[in-house]
Every structure is written in structure tokens, then in C-alpha cells.
Protein backbone atom coordinates (compact mmCIF):
# COMPACT_ATOMS: atom_id res chain seq x y z
CA MET A 1 0.88 -21.03 2.42
CA ALA A 2 2.00 -21.44 -1.16
CA THR A 3 4.76 -23.82 -2.13
CA SER A 4 8.05 -22.57 -3.53
CA SER A 5 7.41 -24.33 -6.86
CA GLU A 6 4.65 -21.78 -7.62
CA PHE A 7 7.13 -18.90 -7.66
CA ARG A 8 9.18 -18.04 -10.69
CA TRP A 9 11.87 -15.77 -9.26
CA GLN A 10 13.21 -15.27 -5.78
CA ALA A 11 15.90 -13.08 -4.24
CA VAL A 12 17.34 -12.08 -0.89
CA GLY A 13 17.98 -8.47 0.08
CA ARG A 14 19.78 -7.08 3.13
CA ARG A 15 20.03 -3.70 4.85
CA LYS A 16 21.42 -2.93 8.33
CA THR A 17 20.31 -6.01 10.32
CA SER A 18 17.23 -6.78 8.20
CA VAL A 19 16.86 -9.64 5.74
CA ALA A 20 14.10 -9.87 3.13
CA ARG A 21 13.25 -12.89 1.00
CA VAL A 22 11.11 -11.89 -1.99
CA TYR A 23 9.24 -14.19 -4.39
CA LEU A 24 7.93 -12.78 -7.69
CA THR A 25 5.26 -14.26 -9.94
CA PRO A 26 3.62 -12.66 -12.96
CA GLY A 27 0.34 -11.19 -11.79
CA THR A 28 -1.61 -8.06 -11.03
CA GLY A 29 0.58 -6.30 -8.44
CA LYS A 30 -0.65 -7.99 -5.25
CA TRP A 31 1.67 -7.65 -2.23
CA ASP A 32 1.97 -10.07 0.70
CA VAL A 33 4.53 -9.05 3.34
CA ASN A 34 4.62 -11.43 6.32
CA GLY A 35 0.96 -12.24 5.72
CA ARG A 36 -0.15 -8.59 5.45
CA THR A 37 -0.53 -6.11 2.61
CA LEU A 38 2.28 -3.68 1.78
CA GLY A 39 0.42 -0.59 3.04
CA ASP A 40 -0.59 -2.43 6.20
CA TYR A 41 2.92 -3.63 7.04
CA PHE A 42 4.64 -0.34 6.10
CA PRO A 43 2.21 2.44 7.10
CA ARG A 44 4.50 5.31 5.99
CA PRO A 45 3.90 6.19 2.31
CA SER A 46 7.56 7.15 1.91
CA LEU A 47 8.63 3.58 2.78
CA VAL A 48 6.09 2.11 0.34
CA GLN A 49 7.42 4.40 -2.39
CA HIS A 50 10.99 3.40 -1.45
CA ILE A 51 10.14 -0.31 -1.79
CA GLN A 52 8.36 0.18 -5.13
CA GLN A 53 11.31 2.09 -6.63
CA PRO A 54 12.70 -0.92 -8.59
CA PHE A 55 9.28 -1.44 -10.22
CA THR A 56 8.94 2.24 -11.18
CA ALA A 57 12.51 2.32 -12.53
CA THR A 58 11.80 -0.65 -14.82
CA ASP A 59 8.16 0.34 -15.63
CA THR A 60 6.85 -2.98 -14.26
CA LEU A 61 4.64 -1.66 -11.44
CA GLY A 62 1.61 -3.96 -11.22
CA ALA A 63 3.10 -6.63 -13.48
CA PHE A 64 4.17 -8.98 -10.67
CA ASP A 65 2.67 -10.41 -7.51
CA VAL A 66 5.11 -10.12 -4.61
CA MET A 67 5.33 -12.38 -1.59
CA ALA A 68 7.94 -11.40 0.99
CA HIS A 69 9.27 -12.62 4.32
CA VAL A 70 11.06 -9.89 6.26
CA ASN A 71 12.74 -10.13 9.65
CA GLY A 72 15.27 -8.29 11.77
CA GLY A 73 15.91 -4.58 12.30
CA GLY A 74 13.37 -1.77 12.16
CA VAL A 75 10.94 -0.53 9.55
CA ALA A 76 13.49 1.55 7.57
CA GLY A 77 15.99 -1.32 7.42
CA GLN A 78 13.26 -3.76 6.41
CA ALA A 79 12.09 -1.41 3.66
CA GLY A 80 15.66 -1.11 2.36
CA ALA A 81 16.07 -4.88 2.43
CA MET A 82 12.80 -5.32 0.52
CA ARG A 83 13.90 -2.77 -2.10
CA HIS A 84 17.20 -4.62 -2.57
CA ALA A 85 15.47 -8.00 -2.85
CA VAL A 86 12.83 -6.74 -5.31
CA ALA A 87 15.56 -5.27 -7.53
CA ARG A 88 17.50 -8.55 -7.49
CA ALA A 89 14.35 -10.56 -8.26
CA LEU A 90 13.51 -8.27 -11.19
CA LEU A 91 17.03 -8.81 -12.49
CA ALA A 92 16.50 -12.57 -12.26
CA ALA A 93 13.20 -12.20 -14.11
CA ASP A 94 14.76 -10.21 -16.96
CA PRO A 95 18.51 -9.45 -17.26
CA GLN A 96 17.60 -6.50 -19.53
CA HIS A 97 16.51 -4.60 -16.40
CA ARG A 98 20.16 -4.25 -15.30
CA ALA A 99 20.55 -1.20 -17.57
CA LYS A 100 17.92 0.68 -15.53
CA LEU A 101 18.51 -0.80 -12.05
CA ARG A 102 22.31 -0.39 -11.89
CA PRO A 103 22.47 3.40 -12.63
CA ALA A 104 19.70 4.00 -10.06
CA GLY A 105 21.85 2.22 -7.44
CA LEU A 106 19.18 -0.37 -6.71
CA LEU A 107 21.42 -3.45 -7.06
CA THR A 108 24.08 -2.26 -4.60
CA ARG A 109 23.76 -3.48 -1.02
CA ASP A 110 23.96 -0.47 1.33
CA PRO A 111 26.93 -1.35 3.58
CA ARG A 112 26.13 1.17 6.32
CA ALA A 113 25.40 -0.39 9.70
CA VAL A 114 25.61 0.62 13.34
CA GLU A 115 29.18 0.99 14.58
CA ARG A 116 30.02 -1.22 17.53
CA LYS A 117 30.40 0.15 21.04
CA LYS A 118 34.01 0.42 22.16
CA PRO A 119 35.18 -0.77 25.60
CA GLY A 120 35.57 1.90 28.26
CA ARG A 121 33.31 4.37 26.46
CA PRO A 122 29.59 5.11 26.71
CA GLY A 123 29.04 4.54 22.96
CA ALA A 124 30.86 3.95 19.69
CA ARG A 125 32.57 7.36 19.64
CA LYS A 126 31.19 9.28 22.60
CA ARG A 127 33.55 10.03 25.48
CA PHE A 128 32.68 10.50 29.12
CA GLN A 129 32.32 14.15 30.18
CA PHE A 130 35.67 15.82 30.80
CA SER A 131 36.16 17.29 34.26
CA LYS A 132 39.07 19.62 34.89
CA ARG A 133 38.77 19.42 38.69
């Protein structure tokens, strides 16, 4: 594994219960997500496109090598966390990118999460079936 001194920019992104740590270095666009390639770790093309959105917004697709550690949650939450972390790392790399990332909503952490289950109910909002008799 590479040492942290090799990386130029790093950022943390969060979504639902997922956390992604992303390390950017100038390179050729190589992805390493938990020791696997991006397409291997996220098999759905829509998720790959979702993760690459900050690069396409700033026209830097293929300009950086990305190494990421992702844990917690499911694939959609992990993809959202990666997108958030990549956007933050790009901002650290060049503050000029803020003008393109902010209007696209890529720097805002999505606050939506699962609502907690309430006591005496089967779920967060669901009630038990009503019986008249």
C-alpha cells in the first residue's frame, strides 16, 4: 500500500451511513476503490457515472488518479459518499473549481438518512393494522 505522503489531496465524503476517504494525485485517471477498480467495485454504470460527476463538471476526467477507502452502508450510499469526497478533493486541488461544483450541488452533504423506528410501532411511521372489532 502507498504511503499518505505520496498523495497530494485528500477528502472525506459522507452519505447515509457510508464514509469515503478519497486521495487524489495527478495522473492518468486510474481508480482504486478498496483494492479494486471502479467498474469492478460498482458494477452499475449509473453509479459509476454518479461518482464521476465532479470530474465531468470540472472537465478533469482522466487528469487524476483516485485511491479510495469506502465503508458502511450499501452501494448507493457508498457511491454518494465517493461523489462528495471526490468533489471536496477537487476543491482542495484547485479552489477555482468551486464555481462549477457549487451550482451543481456537488459540495453539499446530502442530509437524508433513515428515520429511526419509534417505540410501540412496527416502523418509523407505520401503525399496526386497525381492527374495529
